[in-house]
């Protein structure tokens, strides 16, 4: 199987990211078959999507369970909900299909992900944007250079319907910073501040969350010291960067050895 004849499965196809990936894949000649899946409670059995190659709206079948997959896939992309992602991980491991996961709030699946990675290739990333992954690197470099002399807070903003908080991307920033400081900052994380005794503690990281309107995704990391503040900011103005990153990751993952990968491996 070459990368110009890929059979792709998309889990969470009815969501914002799933629709975007489907629309993008329809105009990509590398994909010869696209199968769409949602969670068992999803109310629709069809998905209307714009097909650029036909310059028209097309209606595609939408299965409500990945286990109803009709034929062997070459790769799966999952942007769904944690319960559906768990099903995708089980299916990918059982059928040895490479799986790209962009779903967040799946920390409880860590052990299952580790076991599945022994049977197939998994790429897990809370954010598929090239820009945000470069920002992870910049935040790590800043943390290592600045050390304990600077306080660190992370602010993230998303649309009003995003469920998990802080975002997976914000938590990834915290993890990267912690690793580069050789400290367990996340064990002393502060999620919002309120009340008369809210002064900052040493060796901590703060997370602030905004859920409002149709905000696609804003993240800012503050490194605040005496007399200066450094800010690393990424603002997504559309989901295009996430979509193209997810498709890039799926193509890259095909043919890889079993194991657990991150978007950093692609850079």
Protein backbone atom coordinates (compact mmCIF):
# COMPACT_ATOMS: atom_id res chain seq x y z
CA UNK A 1 0.00 0.00 0.00
CA UNK A 2 1.45 3.32 -1.04
CA UNK A 3 0.62 6.65 0.53
CA UNK A 4 -1.25 7.55 -2.66
CA UNK A 5 -4.00 4.99 -2.05
CA UNK A 6 -4.94 5.36 1.59
CA UNK A 7 -8.09 4.00 3.23
CA UNK A 8 -8.88 6.46 6.00
CA UNK A 9 -11.25 6.23 8.95
CA UNK A 10 -12.38 9.37 10.80
CA UNK A 11 -13.90 8.99 14.28
CA UNK A 12 -15.85 12.00 15.50
CA UNK A 13 -16.71 12.96 11.93
CA UNK A 14 -19.79 14.92 13.03
CA UNK A 15 -17.77 17.35 15.16
CA UNK A 16 -16.03 20.54 14.10
CA UNK A 17 -12.65 18.92 13.62
CA UNK A 18 -14.10 15.74 12.12
CA UNK A 19 -16.00 17.72 9.50
CA UNK A 20 -12.91 19.73 8.68
CA UNK A 21 -10.76 16.63 8.25
CA UNK A 22 -13.43 14.96 6.12
CA UNK A 23 -13.71 17.97 3.83
CA UNK A 24 -9.93 18.19 3.51
CA UNK A 25 -9.53 14.45 2.85
CA UNK A 26 -12.18 14.49 0.11
CA UNK A 27 -10.03 16.81 -1.99
CA UNK A 28 -6.79 14.93 -1.29
CA UNK A 29 -6.13 12.33 -4.04
CA UNK A 30 -4.04 10.23 -1.65
CA UNK A 31 -7.24 8.98 0.00
CA UNK A 32 -9.12 6.42 -2.08
CA UNK A 33 -11.68 5.52 0.60
CA UNK A 34 -12.97 7.49 3.57
CA UNK A 35 -15.16 5.94 6.25
CA UNK A 36 -16.86 8.09 8.88
CA UNK A 37 -17.78 7.18 12.45
CA UNK A 38 -19.46 8.77 15.45
CA UNK A 39 -20.37 7.67 18.97
CA UNK A 40 -23.39 5.36 19.48
CA UNK A 41 -25.55 8.24 20.78
CA UNK A 42 -24.98 10.46 17.75
CA UNK A 43 -28.43 11.23 16.26
CA UNK A 44 -27.56 11.27 12.55
CA UNK A 45 -26.72 8.46 10.12
CA UNK A 46 -25.63 10.76 7.29
CA UNK A 47 -23.18 13.63 7.03
CA UNK A 48 -23.52 16.45 4.52
CA UNK A 49 -20.16 17.89 3.61
CA UNK A 50 -18.73 20.11 0.89
CA UNK A 51 -16.70 18.19 -1.69
CA UNK A 52 -14.27 20.58 -3.41
CA UNK A 53 -13.50 18.08 -6.15
CA UNK A 54 -17.19 18.07 -7.16
CA UNK A 55 -17.91 21.67 -6.19
CA UNK A 56 -21.05 20.55 -4.41
CA UNK A 57 -22.49 19.23 -1.16
CA UNK A 58 -22.31 15.44 -0.87
CA UNK A 59 -24.05 13.10 1.59
CA UNK A 60 -21.86 10.46 3.24
CA UNK A 61 -22.73 7.49 5.41
CA UNK A 62 -21.95 7.90 9.10
CA UNK A 63 -21.61 4.74 11.21
CA UNK A 64 -22.30 5.04 14.93
CA UNK A 65 -19.63 2.56 16.04
CA UNK A 66 -16.06 2.01 14.86
CA UNK A 67 -16.63 -1.72 15.30
CA UNK A 68 -19.05 -1.52 12.34
CA UNK A 69 -16.17 -0.69 10.02
CA UNK A 70 -16.78 -2.35 6.65
CA UNK A 71 -13.22 -3.09 5.59
CA UNK A 72 -9.58 -2.90 6.64
CA UNK A 73 -8.37 0.66 7.07
CA UNK A 74 -4.82 1.93 6.61
CA UNK A 75 -5.05 4.60 9.31
CA UNK A 76 -7.55 6.13 11.75
CA UNK A 77 -7.92 9.71 12.94
CA UNK A 78 -9.90 10.28 16.14
CA UNK A 79 -11.22 13.69 17.21
CA UNK A 80 -14.18 12.65 19.31
CA UNK A 81 -15.05 12.25 22.99
CA UNK A 82 -13.03 10.24 25.52
CA UNK A 83 -15.41 7.24 25.54
CA UNK A 84 -15.35 7.03 21.75
CA UNK A 85 -11.60 7.43 21.75
CA UNK A 86 -11.32 4.46 24.09
CA UNK A 87 -13.26 2.39 21.53
CA UNK A 88 -10.93 3.61 18.78
CA UNK A 89 -7.85 2.61 20.77
CA UNK A 90 -9.28 -0.86 21.37
CA UNK A 91 -10.19 -1.24 17.69
CA UNK A 92 -6.83 0.03 16.43
CA UNK A 93 -4.91 -2.31 18.73
CA UNK A 94 -7.04 -5.36 17.88
CA UNK A 95 -6.74 -4.74 14.13
CA UNK A 96 -3.21 -3.29 14.18
CA UNK A 97 -4.25 -0.05 12.50
CA UNK A 98 -2.18 3.13 13.04
CA UNK A 99 -4.20 5.67 15.04
CA UNK A 100 -3.89 9.45 15.35
CA UNK A 101 -5.67 10.88 18.41
CA UNK A 102 -6.42 14.57 18.91
CA UNK A 103 -9.11 14.08 21.56
CA UNK A 104 -8.31 15.76 24.88
CA UNK A 105 -9.32 14.80 28.40
CA UNK A 106 -8.05 11.23 27.94
CA UNK A 107 -5.54 11.12 30.79
CA UNK A 108 -7.50 8.21 32.30
CA UNK A 109 -6.62 6.14 29.21
CA UNK A 110 -2.84 6.36 29.75
CA UNK A 111 -2.39 2.68 30.64
CA UNK A 112 -4.61 1.53 27.77
CA UNK A 113 -2.68 3.74 25.33
CA UNK A 114 0.61 2.29 26.52
CA UNK A 115 -0.62 -1.28 26.02
CA UNK A 116 -2.12 -0.48 22.60
CA UNK A 117 1.16 1.06 21.44
CA UNK A 118 2.74 -2.38 21.77
CA UNK A 119 0.41 -3.64 19.02
CA UNK A 120 0.22 -0.69 16.63
CA UNK A 121 1.53 2.82 16.02
CA UNK A 122 -0.24 5.56 17.98
CA UNK A 123 0.29 9.30 17.66
CA UNK A 124 -1.26 11.28 20.49
CA UNK A 125 -1.25 15.07 20.52
CA UNK A 126 -3.61 17.58 22.16
CA UNK A 127 -2.95 19.97 19.31
CA UNK A 128 -2.01 19.17 15.70
CA UNK A 129 -1.02 22.70 14.73
CA UNK A 130 2.56 23.15 13.55
CA UNK A 131 2.63 26.58 15.19
CA UNK A 132 1.54 25.36 18.62
CA UNK A 133 4.07 22.52 18.53
CA UNK A 134 6.81 25.04 17.79
CA UNK A 135 5.52 27.05 20.77
CA UNK A 136 5.93 23.96 22.96
CA UNK A 137 9.60 23.94 22.00
CA UNK A 138 9.95 27.67 22.66
CA UNK A 139 8.33 27.31 26.08
CA UNK A 140 10.71 24.49 26.95
CA UNK A 141 13.73 26.56 25.91
CA UNK A 142 12.47 29.56 27.90
CA UNK A 143 11.88 27.47 31.01
CA UNK A 144 15.35 25.98 30.86
CA UNK A 145 17.00 29.37 30.30
CA UNK A 146 15.00 31.32 32.90
CA UNK A 147 14.89 28.73 35.66
CA UNK A 148 13.39 29.49 39.07
CA UNK A 149 13.68 33.26 38.73
CA UNK A 150 10.42 33.58 36.78
CA UNK A 151 6.84 32.76 37.75
CA UNK A 152 4.83 30.82 35.17
CA UNK A 153 1.14 31.06 34.37
CA UNK A 154 -0.76 29.64 31.39
CA UNK A 155 -3.98 31.19 30.08
CA UNK A 156 -6.16 29.43 27.51
CA UNK A 157 -9.40 30.41 25.78
CA UNK A 158 -11.78 28.25 23.72
CA UNK A 159 -15.36 28.27 22.45
CA UNK A 160 -18.16 28.06 24.98
CA UNK A 161 -18.88 24.38 24.20
CA UNK A 162 -15.43 22.94 24.96
CA UNK A 163 -15.86 20.50 27.82
CA UNK A 164 -12.45 19.80 29.35
CA UNK A 165 -10.54 22.47 31.26
CA UNK A 166 -7.76 23.32 31.25
CA UNK A 167 -7.32 22.40 27.62
CA UNK A 168 -5.05 19.52 26.70
CA UNK A 169 -2.78 22.04 24.99
CA UNK A 170 -2.45 24.11 28.17
CA UNK A 171 -1.61 20.98 30.16
CA UNK A 172 0.97 20.05 27.51
CA UNK A 173 2.61 23.44 27.98
CA UNK A 174 2.73 22.75 31.72
CA UNK A 175 4.25 19.31 31.15
CA UNK A 176 6.91 20.62 28.75
CA UNK A 177 7.87 23.43 31.14
CA UNK A 178 8.01 21.04 34.09
CA UNK A 179 10.27 18.62 32.21
CA UNK A 180 12.68 21.39 31.26
CA UNK A 181 12.84 22.68 34.82
CA UNK A 182 13.36 19.14 36.17
CA UNK A 183 10.54 19.81 38.61
CA UNK A 184 7.09 18.39 39.19
CA UNK A 185 5.29 21.70 38.69
CA UNK A 186 2.01 20.05 37.78
CA UNK A 187 1.80 18.53 41.26
CA UNK A 188 1.65 22.12 42.55
CA UNK A 189 -0.65 23.45 39.86
CA UNK A 190 -3.17 26.17 40.74
CA UNK A 191 -6.36 26.12 38.64
CA UNK A 192 -7.71 29.64 38.99
CA UNK A 193 -7.29 31.90 42.01
CA UNK A 194 -9.95 33.17 44.35
CA UNK A 195 -10.23 34.43 47.91
CA UNK A 196 -8.24 36.47 50.40
CA UNK A 197 -5.27 34.08 50.54
CA UNK A 198 -4.33 33.67 46.87
CA UNK A 199 -0.69 34.75 46.91
CA UNK A 200 1.57 32.71 44.68
CA UNK A 201 3.41 29.70 46.05
CA UNK A 202 6.97 28.87 44.99
CA UNK A 203 7.54 26.09 42.44
CA UNK A 204 4.00 26.25 41.10
CA UNK A 205 2.31 26.85 37.77
CA UNK A 206 -1.03 28.56 37.33
CA UNK A 207 -3.76 27.74 34.81
CA UNK A 208 -6.52 30.15 33.84
CA UNK A 209 -9.42 29.11 31.60
CA UNK A 210 -11.83 31.10 29.42
CA UNK A 211 -14.85 29.57 27.66
CA UNK A 212 -16.58 32.14 25.46
CA UNK A 213 -18.23 32.56 22.08
CA UNK A 214 -16.70 30.80 19.10
CA UNK A 215 -13.06 31.17 20.16
CA UNK A 216 -11.13 28.48 18.32
CA UNK A 217 -8.11 28.37 20.60
CA UNK A 218 -5.82 30.93 22.26
CA UNK A 219 -2.89 30.03 24.52
CA UNK A 220 -0.43 32.31 26.30
CA UNK A 221 2.41 31.26 28.59
CA UNK A 222 3.63 33.98 30.96
CA UNK A 223 7.17 33.97 32.32
CA UNK A 224 7.11 36.86 34.81
CA UNK A 225 10.23 38.06 36.61
CA UNK A 226 11.44 41.22 38.30
CA UNK A 227 11.06 44.11 35.89
CA UNK A 228 10.00 42.12 32.83
CA UNK A 229 7.52 39.59 31.48
CA UNK A 230 7.97 37.23 28.54
CA UNK A 231 4.87 35.95 26.76
CA UNK A 232 4.63 33.10 24.27
CA UNK A 233 1.26 33.30 22.51
CA UNK A 234 -0.46 31.22 19.86
CA UNK A 235 -3.87 32.15 18.47
CA UNK A 236 -5.74 29.92 16.07
CA UNK A 237 -7.82 31.96 13.62
CA UNK A 238 -9.32 28.88 11.96
CA UNK A 239 -9.15 25.10 12.32
CA UNK A 240 -7.21 24.74 9.09
CA UNK A 241 -3.85 24.30 10.83
CA UNK A 242 -5.30 21.55 13.06
CA UNK A 243 -6.85 19.76 10.08
CA UNK A 244 -3.74 19.84 7.89
CA UNK A 245 -1.61 18.77 10.87
CA UNK A 246 -3.87 15.79 11.61
CA UNK A 247 -3.80 14.63 7.98
CA UNK A 248 -0.02 15.10 7.87
CA UNK A 249 0.28 13.02 11.05
CA UNK A 250 -1.92 10.25 9.61
CA UNK A 251 0.17 9.94 6.45
CA UNK A 252 3.39 10.03 8.46
CA UNK A 253 2.21 7.29 10.83
CA UNK A 254 1.49 4.73 8.12
CA UNK A 255 4.24 2.11 8.07
CA UNK A 256 5.80 3.20 11.37
CA UNK A 257 6.87 0.65 13.94
CA UNK A 258 4.56 -0.08 16.86
CA UNK A 259 4.97 2.54 19.55
CA UNK A 260 3.73 5.80 20.99
CA UNK A 261 4.54 8.94 19.00
CA UNK A 262 3.87 12.65 19.41
CA UNK A 263 3.66 15.48 16.89
CA UNK A 264 7.15 16.44 17.96
CA UNK A 265 8.40 13.31 16.15
CA UNK A 266 7.16 14.75 12.85
CA UNK A 267 8.92 18.09 13.18
